Amino acid sequence: MNFYPHHIGDFNNATRHLTRIERSIYRDLIDLYYDTEEPLVLDVNQLCRLVIARDDEERAAVEQVLNEFFIETDAGWRHTRCDQEIAKYR
């Protein structure tokens, strides 16, 4: 997908408790999800490379965001809202 709707209120309500780094990581993970139109790979080290999470704080943020907003499945890390938007797009 080259475009997806970003509902500012929904995003802010869901992420207001996150740190700035966690919010940034979350946006990067969502962008990656929409770009590939597939669940995120299960390998957290690979995901960290893809979203340029280098230091310990950034890597911890990737794990925190995955555990809070994504669902781990055999196919990868899924995100319900992203899946719905991708289905509409297709």
PDB file of N, CA and C in Angstrom:
ATOM      1  N   MET A   1       0.842  -1.174   0.000  1.00  0.00           N
ATOM      2  CA  MET A   1       0.000   0.000   0.000  1.00  0.00           C
ATOM      3  C   MET A   1       0.893   1.244   0.000  1.00  0.00           C
ATOM      4  N   ASN A   2       0.498   2.221  -0.771  1.00  0.00           N
ATOM      5  CA  ASN A   2       1.212   3.493  -0.781  1.00  0.00           C
ATOM      6  C   ASN A   2       0.555   4.522   0.122  1.00  0.00           C
ATOM      7  N   PHE A   3      -0.640   4.216   0.597  1.00  0.00           N
ATOM      8  CA  PHE A   3      -1.404   5.149   1.410  1.00  0.00           C
ATOM      9  C   PHE A   3      -2.258   4.370   2.389  1.00  0.00           C
ATOM     10  N   TYR A   4      -2.422   4.896   3.585  1.00  0.00           N
ATOM     11  CA  TYR A   4      -3.390   4.344   4.528  1.00  0.00           C
ATOM     12  C   TYR A   4      -3.935   5.496   5.360  1.00  0.00           C
ATOM     13  N   PRO A   5      -5.182   5.390   5.829  1.00  0.00           N
ATOM     14  CA  PRO A   5      -5.733   6.470   6.647  1.00  0.00           C
ATOM     15  C   PRO A   5      -5.104   6.462   8.036  1.00  0.00           C
ATOM     16  N   HIS A   6      -4.689   7.632   8.471  1.00  0.00           N
ATOM     17  CA  HIS A   6      -4.139   7.772   9.815  1.00  0.00           C
ATOM     18  C   HIS A   6      -5.115   8.633  10.617  1.00  0.00           C
ATOM     19  N   HIS A   7      -5.817   8.005  11.514  1.00  0.00           N
ATOM     20  CA  HIS A   7      -6.796   8.704  12.339  1.00  0.00           C
ATOM     21  C   HIS A   7      -6.081   9.224  13.583  1.00  0.00           C
ATOM     22  N   ILE A   8      -5.823  10.517  13.594  1.00  0.00           N
ATOM     23  CA  ILE A   8      -5.015  11.124  14.642  1.00  0.00           C
ATOM     24  C   ILE A   8      -5.592  10.859  16.033  1.00  0.00           C
ATOM     25  N   GLY A   9      -6.897  11.038  16.184  1.00  0.00           N
ATOM     26  CA  GLY A   9      -7.526  10.810  17.485  1.00  0.00           C
ATOM     27  C   GLY A   9      -7.388   9.370  17.944  1.00  0.00           C
ATOM     28  N   ASP A  10      -7.618   8.423  17.052  1.00  0.00           N
ATOM     29  CA  ASP A  10      -7.474   7.011  17.405  1.00  0.00           C
ATOM     30  C   ASP A  10      -6.035   6.702  17.829  1.00  0.00           C
ATOM     31  N   PHE A  11      -5.092   7.210  17.040  1.00  0.00           N
ATOM     32  CA  PHE A  11      -3.683   6.962  17.351  1.00  0.00           C
ATOM     33  C   PHE A  11      -3.311   7.579  18.694  1.00  0.00           C
ATOM     34  N   ASN A  12      -3.680   8.831  18.900  1.00  0.00           N
ATOM     35  CA  ASN A  12      -3.351   9.508  20.154  1.00  0.00           C
ATOM     36  C   ASN A  12      -3.995   8.822  21.353  1.00  0.00           C
ATOM     37  N   ASN A  13      -5.250   8.435  21.229  1.00  0.00           N
ATOM     38  CA  ASN A  13      -5.925   7.755  22.338  1.00  0.00           C
ATOM     39  C   ASN A  13      -5.272   6.424  22.673  1.00  0.00           C
ATOM     40  N   ALA A  14      -4.804   5.715  21.660  1.00  0.00           N
ATOM     41  CA  ALA A  14      -4.208   4.394  21.884  1.00  0.00           C
ATOM     42  C   ALA A  14      -2.760   4.474  22.368  1.00  0.00           C
ATOM     43  N   THR A  15      -2.093   5.606  22.107  1.00  0.00           N
ATOM     44  CA  THR A  15      -0.653   5.652  22.373  1.00  0.00           C
ATOM     45  C   THR A  15      -0.222   6.741  23.342  1.00  0.00           C
ATOM     46  N   ARG A  16      -1.147   7.458  23.925  1.00  0.00           N
ATOM     47  CA  ARG A  16      -0.794   8.596  24.790  1.00  0.00           C
ATOM     48  C   ARG A  16       0.097   8.165  25.967  1.00  0.00           C
ATOM     49  N   HIS A  17       0.009   6.932  26.394  1.00  0.00           N
ATOM     50  CA  HIS A  17       0.802   6.455  27.532  1.00  0.00           C
ATOM     51  C   HIS A  17       2.218   6.020  27.140  1.00  0.00           C
ATOM     52  N   LEU A  18       2.507   5.966  25.858  1.00  0.00           N
ATOM     53  CA  LEU A  18       3.816   5.504  25.393  1.00  0.00           C
ATOM     54  C   LEU A  18       4.860   6.614  25.470  1.00  0.00           C
ATOM     55  N   THR A  19       6.115   6.197  25.512  1.00  0.00           N
ATOM     56  CA  THR A  19       7.203   7.167  25.404  1.00  0.00           C
ATOM     57  C   THR A  19       7.290   7.638  23.954  1.00  0.00           C
ATOM     58  N   ARG A  20       8.041   8.691  23.725  1.00  0.00           N
ATOM     59  CA  ARG A  20       8.225   9.181  22.353  1.00  0.00           C
ATOM     60  C   ARG A  20       8.883   8.121  21.478  1.00  0.00           C
ATOM     61  N   ILE A  21       9.822   7.395  22.037  1.00  0.00           N
ATOM     62  CA  ILE A  21      10.485   6.338  21.266  1.00  0.00           C
ATOM     63  C   ILE A  21       9.495   5.230  20.932  1.00  0.00           C
ATOM     64  N   GLU A  22       8.681   4.816  21.886  1.00  0.00           N
ATOM     65  CA  GLU A  22       7.686   3.767  21.636  1.00  0.00           C
ATOM     66  C   GLU A  22       6.685   4.212  20.571  1.00  0.00           C
ATOM     67  N   ARG A  23       6.247   5.471  20.642  1.00  0.00           N
ATOM     68  CA  ARG A  23       5.310   5.985  19.623  1.00  0.00           C
ATOM     69  C   ARG A  23       5.950   5.970  18.240  1.00  0.00           C
ATOM     70  N   SER A  24       7.195   6.359  18.159  1.00  0.00           N
ATOM     71  CA  SER A  24       7.913   6.362  16.882  1.00  0.00           C
ATOM     72  C   SER A  24       8.085   4.941  16.342  1.00  0.00           C
ATOM     73  N   ILE A  25       8.464   4.044  17.216  1.00  0.00           N
ATOM     74  CA  ILE A  25       8.625   2.633  16.821  1.00  0.00           C
ATOM     75  C   ILE A  25       7.287   2.076  16.334  1.00  0.00           C
ATOM     76  N   TYR A  26       6.213   2.399  17.038  1.00  0.00           N
ATOM     77  CA  TYR A  26       4.881   1.919  16.646  1.00  0.00           C
ATOM     78  C   TYR A  26       4.544   2.396  15.235  1.00  0.00           C
ATOM     79  N   ARG A  27       4.766   3.667  14.943  1.00  0.00           N
ATOM     80  CA  ARG A  27       4.501   4.193  13.598  1.00  0.00           C
ATOM     81  C   ARG A  27       5.363   3.484  12.560  1.00  0.00           C
ATOM     82  N   ASP A  28       6.637   3.249  12.880  1.00  0.00           N
ATOM     83  CA  ASP A  28       7.519   2.554  11.943  1.00  0.00           C
ATOM     84  C   ASP A  28       7.041   1.124  11.678  1.00  0.00           C
ATOM     85  N   LEU A  29       6.594   0.440  12.731  1.00  0.00           N
ATOM     86  CA  LEU A  29       6.102  -0.927  12.552  1.00  0.00           C
ATOM     87  C   LEU A  29       4.819  -0.949  11.720  1.00  0.00           C
ATOM     88  N   ILE A  30       3.938   0.009  11.968  1.00  0.00           N
ATOM     89  CA  ILE A  30       2.704   0.089  11.177  1.00  0.00           C
ATOM     90  C   ILE A  30       3.031   0.400   9.715  1.00  0.00           C
ATOM     91  N   ASP A  31       3.948   1.337   9.484  1.00  0.00           N
ATOM     92  CA  ASP A  31       4.350   1.655   8.108  1.00  0.00           C
ATOM     93  C   ASP A  31       4.910   0.420   7.404  1.00  0.00           C
ATOM     94  N   LEU A  32       5.729  -0.336   8.095  1.00  0.00           N
ATOM     95  CA  LEU A  32       6.291  -1.563   7.528  1.00  0.00           C
ATOM     96  C   LEU A  32       5.185  -2.560   7.201  1.00  0.00           C
ATOM     97  N   TYR A  33       4.231  -2.681   8.091  1.00  0.00           N
ATOM     98  CA  TYR A  33       3.105  -3.604   7.905  1.00  0.00           C
ATOM     99  C   TYR A  33       2.322  -3.233   6.648  1.00  0.00           C
ATOM    100  N   TYR A  34       1.974  -1.952   6.532  1.00  0.00           N
ATOM    101  CA  TYR A  34       1.226  -1.516   5.360  1.00  0.00           C
ATOM    102  C   TYR A  34       2.058  -1.615   4.087  1.00  0.00           C
ATOM    103  N   ASP A  35       3.328  -1.324   4.169  1.00  0.00           N
ATOM    104  CA  ASP A  35       4.186  -1.384   2.985  1.00  0.00           C
ATOM    105  C   ASP A  35       4.270  -2.795   2.421  1.00  0.00           C
ATOM    106  N   THR A  36       4.392  -3.781   3.308  1.00  0.00           N
ATOM    107  CA  THR A  36       4.510  -5.170   2.854  1.00  0.00           C
ATOM    108  C   THR A  36       3.154  -5.848   2.687  1.00  0.00           C
ATOM    109  N   GLU A  37       2.121  -5.263   3.312  1.00  0.00           N
ATOM    110  CA  GLU A  37       0.768  -5.848   3.318  1.00  0.00           C
ATOM    111  C   GLU A  37       0.771  -7.268   3.880  1.00  0.00           C
ATOM    112  N   GLU A  38       1.647  -7.505   4.830  1.00  0.00           N
ATOM    113  CA  GLU A  38       1.780  -8.821   5.456  1.00  0.00           C
ATOM    114  C   GLU A  38       2.083  -8.656   6.938  1.00  0.00           C
ATOM    115  N   PRO A  39       1.820  -9.702   7.730  1.00  0.00           N
ATOM    116  CA  PRO A  39       2.224  -9.655   9.134  1.00  0.00           C
ATOM    117  C   PRO A  39       3.735  -9.444   9.238  1.00  0.00           C
ATOM    118  N   LEU A  40       4.152  -8.851  10.327  1.00  0.00           N
ATOM    119  CA  LEU A  40       5.576  -8.622  10.553  1.00  0.00           C
ATOM    120  C   LEU A  40       6.271  -9.930  10.892  1.00  0.00           C
ATOM    121  N   VAL A  41       7.515 -10.042  10.485  1.00  0.00           N
ATOM    122  CA  VAL A  41       8.271 -11.266  10.763  1.00  0.00           C
ATOM    123  C   VAL A  41       8.375 -11.480  12.273  1.00  0.00           C
ATOM    124  N   LEU A  42       8.437 -12.735  12.665  1.00  0.00           N
ATOM    125  CA  LEU A  42       8.511 -13.071  14.088  1.00  0.00           C
ATOM    126  C   LEU A  42       9.881 -12.770  14.698  1.00  0.00           C
ATOM    127  N   ASP A  43      10.913 -12.763  13.887  1.00  0.00           N
ATOM    128  CA  ASP A  43      12.275 -12.544  14.361  1.00  0.00           C
ATOM    129  C   ASP A  43      12.434 -11.076  14.799  1.00  0.00           C
ATOM    130  N   VAL A  44      12.471 -10.862  16.108  1.00  0.00           N
ATOM    131  CA  VAL A  44      12.543  -9.499  16.651  1.00  0.00           C
ATOM    132  C   VAL A  44      13.846  -8.819  16.249  1.00  0.00           C
ATOM    133  N   ASN A  45      14.929  -9.566  16.162  1.00  0.00           N
ATOM    134  CA  ASN A  45      16.201  -8.966  15.731  1.00  0.00           C
ATOM    135  C   ASN A  45      16.088  -8.425  14.312  1.00  0.00           C
ATOM    136  N   GLN A  46      15.435  -9.160  13.445  1.00  0.00           N
ATOM    137  CA  GLN A  46      15.234  -8.700  12.066  1.00  0.00           C
ATOM    138  C   GLN A  46      14.330  -7.464  12.039  1.00  0.00           C
ATOM    139  N   LEU A  47      13.281  -7.470  12.839  1.00  0.00           N
ATOM    140  CA  LEU A  47      12.397  -6.307  12.917  1.00  0.00           C
ATOM    141  C   LEU A  47      13.155  -5.077  13.413  1.00  0.00           C
ATOM    142  N   CYS A  48      13.997  -5.263  14.394  1.00  0.00           N
ATOM    143  CA  CYS A  48      14.786  -4.145  14.912  1.00  0.00           C
ATOM    144  C   CYS A  48      15.656  -3.551  13.808  1.00  0.00           C
ATOM    145  N   ARG A  49      16.235  -4.388  12.985  1.00  0.00           N
ATOM    146  CA  ARG A  49      17.035  -3.883  11.860  1.00  0.00           C
ATOM    147  C   ARG A  49      16.156  -3.124  10.878  1.00  0.00           C
ATOM    148  N   LEU A  50      14.978  -3.646  10.603  1.00  0.00           N
ATOM    149  CA  LEU A  50      14.093  -3.021   9.619  1.00  0.00           C
ATOM    150  C   LEU A  50      13.577  -1.653  10.056  1.00  0.00           C
ATOM    151  N   VAL A  51      13.418  -1.456  11.362  1.00  0.00           N
ATOM    152  CA  VAL A  51      12.927  -0.158  11.858  1.00  0.00           C
ATOM    153  C   VAL A  51      14.051   0.657  12.502  1.00  0.00           C
ATOM    154  N   ILE A  52      15.281   0.233  12.270  1.00  0.00           N
ATOM    155  CA  ILE A  52      16.478   0.932  12.724  1.00  0.00           C
ATOM    156  C   ILE A  52      16.481   1.137  14.246  1.00  0.00           C
ATOM    157  N   ALA A  53      16.094   0.095  14.968  1.00  0.00           N
ATOM    158  CA  ALA A  53      16.149   0.109  16.433  1.00  0.00           C
ATOM    159  C   ALA A  53      17.504  -0.464  16.837  1.00  0.00           C
ATOM    160  N   ARG A  54      18.429   0.406  17.208  1.00  0.00           N
ATOM    161  CA  ARG A  54      19.816  -0.012  17.436  1.00  0.00           C
ATOM    162  C   ARG A  54      20.188  -0.180  18.909  1.00  0.00           C
ATOM    163  N   ASP A  55      19.837   0.797  19.732  1.00  0.00           N
ATOM    164  CA  ASP A  55      20.292   0.709  21.126  1.00  0.00           C
ATOM    165  C   ASP A  55      19.287  -0.074  21.974  1.00  0.00           C
ATOM    166  N   ASP A  56      19.654  -0.319  23.219  1.00  0.00           N
ATOM    167  CA  ASP A  56      18.838  -1.147  24.105  1.00  0.00           C
ATOM    168  C   ASP A  56      17.438  -0.556  24.314  1.00  0.00           C
ATOM    169  N   GLU A  57      17.365   0.769  24.463  1.00  0.00           N
ATOM    170  CA  GLU A  57      16.069   1.416  24.687  1.00  0.00           C
ATOM    171  C   GLU A  57      15.147   1.239  23.482  1.00  0.00           C
ATOM    172  N   GLU A  58      15.686   1.399  22.287  1.00  0.00           N
ATOM    173  CA  GLU A  58      14.884   1.239  21.073  1.00  0.00           C
ATOM    174  C   GLU A  58      14.460  -0.210  20.880  1.00  0.00           C
ATOM    175  N   ARG A  59      15.366  -1.139  21.132  1.00  0.00           N
ATOM    176  CA  ARG A  59      15.032  -2.566  20.988  1.00  0.00           C
ATOM    177  C   ARG A  59      13.965  -2.976  22.005  1.00  0.00           C
ATOM    178  N   ALA A  60      14.061  -2.452  23.235  1.00  0.00           N
ATOM    179  CA  ALA A  60      13.044  -2.726  24.248  1.00  0.00           C
ATOM    180  C   ALA A  60      11.702  -2.150  23.816  1.00  0.00           C
ATOM    181  N   ALA A  61      11.730  -0.998  23.159  1.00  0.00           N
ATOM    182  CA  ALA A  61      10.492  -0.377  22.668  1.00  0.00           C
ATOM    183  C   ALA A  61       9.836  -1.248  21.597  1.00  0.00           C
ATOM    184  N   VAL A  62      10.635  -1.852  20.724  1.00  0.00           N
ATOM    185  CA  VAL A  62      10.079  -2.751  19.704  1.00  0.00           C
ATOM    186  C   VAL A  62       9.339  -3.891  20.391  1.00  0.00           C
ATOM    187  N   GLU A  63       9.964  -4.510  21.361  1.00  0.00           N
ATOM    188  CA  GLU A  63       9.335  -5.632  22.063  1.00  0.00           C
ATOM    189  C   GLU A  63       8.078  -5.189  22.805  1.00  0.00           C
ATOM    190  N   GLN A  64       8.130  -4.043  23.459  1.00  0.00           N
ATOM    191  CA  GLN A  64       6.972  -3.526  24.197  1.00  0.00           C
ATOM    192  C   GLN A  64       5.802  -3.264  23.256  1.00  0.00           C
ATOM    193  N   VAL A  65       6.070  -2.605  22.156  1.00  0.00           N
ATOM    194  CA  VAL A  65       5.007  -2.262  21.198  1.00  0.00           C
ATOM    195  C   VAL A  65       4.427  -3.528  20.566  1.00  0.00           C
ATOM    196  N   LEU A  66       5.275  -4.463  20.201  1.00  0.00           N
ATOM    197  CA  LEU A  66       4.770  -5.722  19.635  1.00  0.00           C
ATOM    198  C   LEU A  66       3.831  -6.408  20.614  1.00  0.00           C
ATOM    199  N   ASN A  67       4.256  -6.513  21.858  1.00  0.00           N
ATOM    200  CA  ASN A  67       3.451  -7.218  22.858  1.00  0.00           C
ATOM    201  C   ASN A  67       2.154  -6.501  23.197  1.00  0.00           C
ATOM    202  N   GLU A  68       2.131  -5.186  23.055  1.00  0.00           N
ATOM    203  CA  GLU A  68       0.928  -4.440  23.403  1.00  0.00           C
ATOM    204  C   GLU A  68      -0.057  -4.295  22.243  1.00  0.00           C
ATOM    205  N   PHE A  69       0.437  -4.130  21.027  1.00  0.00           N
ATOM    206  CA  PHE A  69      -0.443  -3.768  19.918  1.00  0.00           C
ATOM    207  C   PHE A  69      -0.565  -4.833  18.830  1.00  0.00           C
ATOM    208  N   PHE A  70       0.268  -5.832  18.849  1.00  0.00           N
ATOM    209  CA  PHE A  70       0.267  -6.856  17.806  1.00  0.00           C
ATOM    210  C   PHE A  70      -0.031  -8.216  18.431  1.00  0.00           C
ATOM    211  N   ILE A  71      -0.459  -9.138  17.599  1.00  0.00           N
ATOM    212  CA  ILE A  71      -0.776 -10.499  18.041  1.00  0.00           C
ATOM    213  C   ILE A  71       0.213 -11.441  17.385  1.00  0.00           C
ATOM    214  N   GLU A  72       0.917 -12.202  18.200  1.00  0.00           N
ATOM    215  CA  GLU A  72       1.883 -13.164  17.671  1.00  0.00           C
ATOM    216  C   GLU A  72       1.142 -14.394  17.146  1.00  0.00           C
ATOM    217  N   THR A  73       1.347 -14.704  15.868  1.00  0.00           N
ATOM    218  CA  THR A  73       0.738 -15.883  15.241  1.00  0.00           C
ATOM    219  C   THR A  73       1.830 -16.665  14.515  1.00  0.00           C
ATOM    220  N   ASP A  74       1.480 -17.836  14.024  1.00  0.00           N
ATOM    221  CA  ASP A  74       2.440 -18.625  13.246  1.00  0.00           C
ATOM    222  C   ASP A  74       2.866 -17.883  11.979  1.00  0.00           C
ATOM    223  N   ALA A  75       1.989 -17.029  11.453  1.00  0.00           N
ATOM    224  CA  ALA A  75       2.272 -16.289  10.221  1.00  0.00           C
ATOM    225  C   ALA A  75       3.115 -15.039  10.478  1.00  0.00           C
ATOM    226  N   GLY A  76       3.225 -14.622  11.724  1.00  0.00           N
ATOM    227  CA  GLY A  76       3.967 -13.407  12.059  1.00  0.00           C
ATOM    228  C   GLY A  76       3.171 -12.557  13.040  1.00  0.00           C
ATOM    229  N   TRP A  77       3.675 -11.360  13.307  1.00  0.00           N
ATOM    230  CA  TRP A  77       2.984 -10.416  14.202  1.00  0.00           C
ATOM    231  C   TRP A  77       1.873  -9.738  13.424  1.00  0.00           C
ATOM    232  N   ARG A  78       0.630  -9.952  13.840  1.00  0.00           N
ATOM    233  CA  ARG A  78      -0.525  -9.385  13.141  1.00  0.00           C
ATOM    234  C   ARG A  78      -1.061  -8.176  13.898  1.00  0.00           C
ATOM    235  N   HIS A  79      -1.684  -7.279  13.154  1.00  0.00           N
ATOM    236  CA  HIS A  79      -2.305  -6.089  13.720  1.00  0.00           C
ATOM    237  C   HIS A  79      -3.719  -6.004  13.143  1.00  0.00           C
ATOM    238  N   THR A  80      -4.719  -6.082  13.996  1.00  0.00           N
ATOM    239  CA  THR A  80      -6.116  -6.171  13.555  1.00  0.00           C
ATOM    240  C   THR A  80      -6.518  -4.987  12.683  1.00  0.00           C
ATOM    241  N   ARG A  81      -6.228  -3.778  13.113  1.00  0.00           N
ATOM    242  CA  ARG A  81      -6.631  -2.588  12.342  1.00  0.00           C
ATOM    243  C   ARG A  81      -5.936  -2.552  10.986  1.00  0.00           C
ATOM    244  N   CYS A  82      -4.656  -2.878  10.967  1.00  0.00           N
ATOM    245  CA  CYS A  82      -3.933  -2.920   9.689  1.00  0.00           C
ATOM    246  C   CYS A  82      -4.544  -3.958   8.759  1.00  0.00           C
ATOM    247  N   ASP A  83      -4.862  -5.125   9.290  1.00  0.00           N
ATOM    248  CA  ASP A  83      -5.474  -6.165   8.463  1.00  0.00           C
ATOM    249  C   ASP A  83      -6.802  -5.697   7.870  1.00  0.00           C
ATOM    250  N   GLN A  84      -7.583  -4.973   8.664  1.00  0.00           N
ATOM    251  CA  GLN A  84      -8.866  -4.452   8.168  1.00  0.00           C
ATOM    252  C   GLN A  84      -8.647  -3.439   7.053  1.00  0.00           C
ATOM    253  N   GLU A  85      -7.714  -2.528   7.215  1.00  0.00           N
ATOM    254  CA  GLU A  85      -7.444  -1.508   6.197  1.00  0.00           C
ATOM    255  C   GLU A  85      -6.877  -2.132   4.928  1.00  0.00           C
ATOM    256  N   ILE A  86      -6.025  -3.127   5.070  1.00  0.00           N
ATOM    257  CA  ILE A  86      -5.469  -3.812   3.908  1.00  0.00           C
ATOM    258  C   ILE A  86      -6.567  -4.555   3.156  1.00  0.00           C
ATOM    259  N   ALA A  87      -7.480  -5.183   3.864  1.00  0.00           N
ATOM    260  CA  ALA A  87      -8.609  -5.878   3.225  1.00  0.00           C
ATOM    261  C   ALA A  87      -9.478  -4.900   2.445  1.00  0.00           C
ATOM    262  N   LYS A  88      -9.737  -3.717   3.015  1.00  0.00           N
ATOM    263  CA  LYS A  88     -10.513  -2.687   2.294  1.00  0.00           C
ATOM    264  C   LYS A  88      -9.764  -2.240   1.040  1.00  0.00           C
ATOM    265  N   TYR A  89      -8.474  -2.067   1.156  1.00  0.00           N
ATOM    266  CA  TYR A  89      -7.645  -1.613   0.039  1.00  0.00           C
ATOM    267  C   TYR A  89      -7.686  -2.617  -1.112  1.00  0.00           C
ATOM    268  N   ARG A  90      -7.630  -3.889  -0.772  1.00  0.00           N
ATOM    269  CA  ARG A  90      -7.616  -4.921  -1.804  1.00  0.00           C
ATOM    270  C   ARG A  90      -8.980  -5.051  -2.448  1.00  0.00           C
TER     271      ARG A  90
END
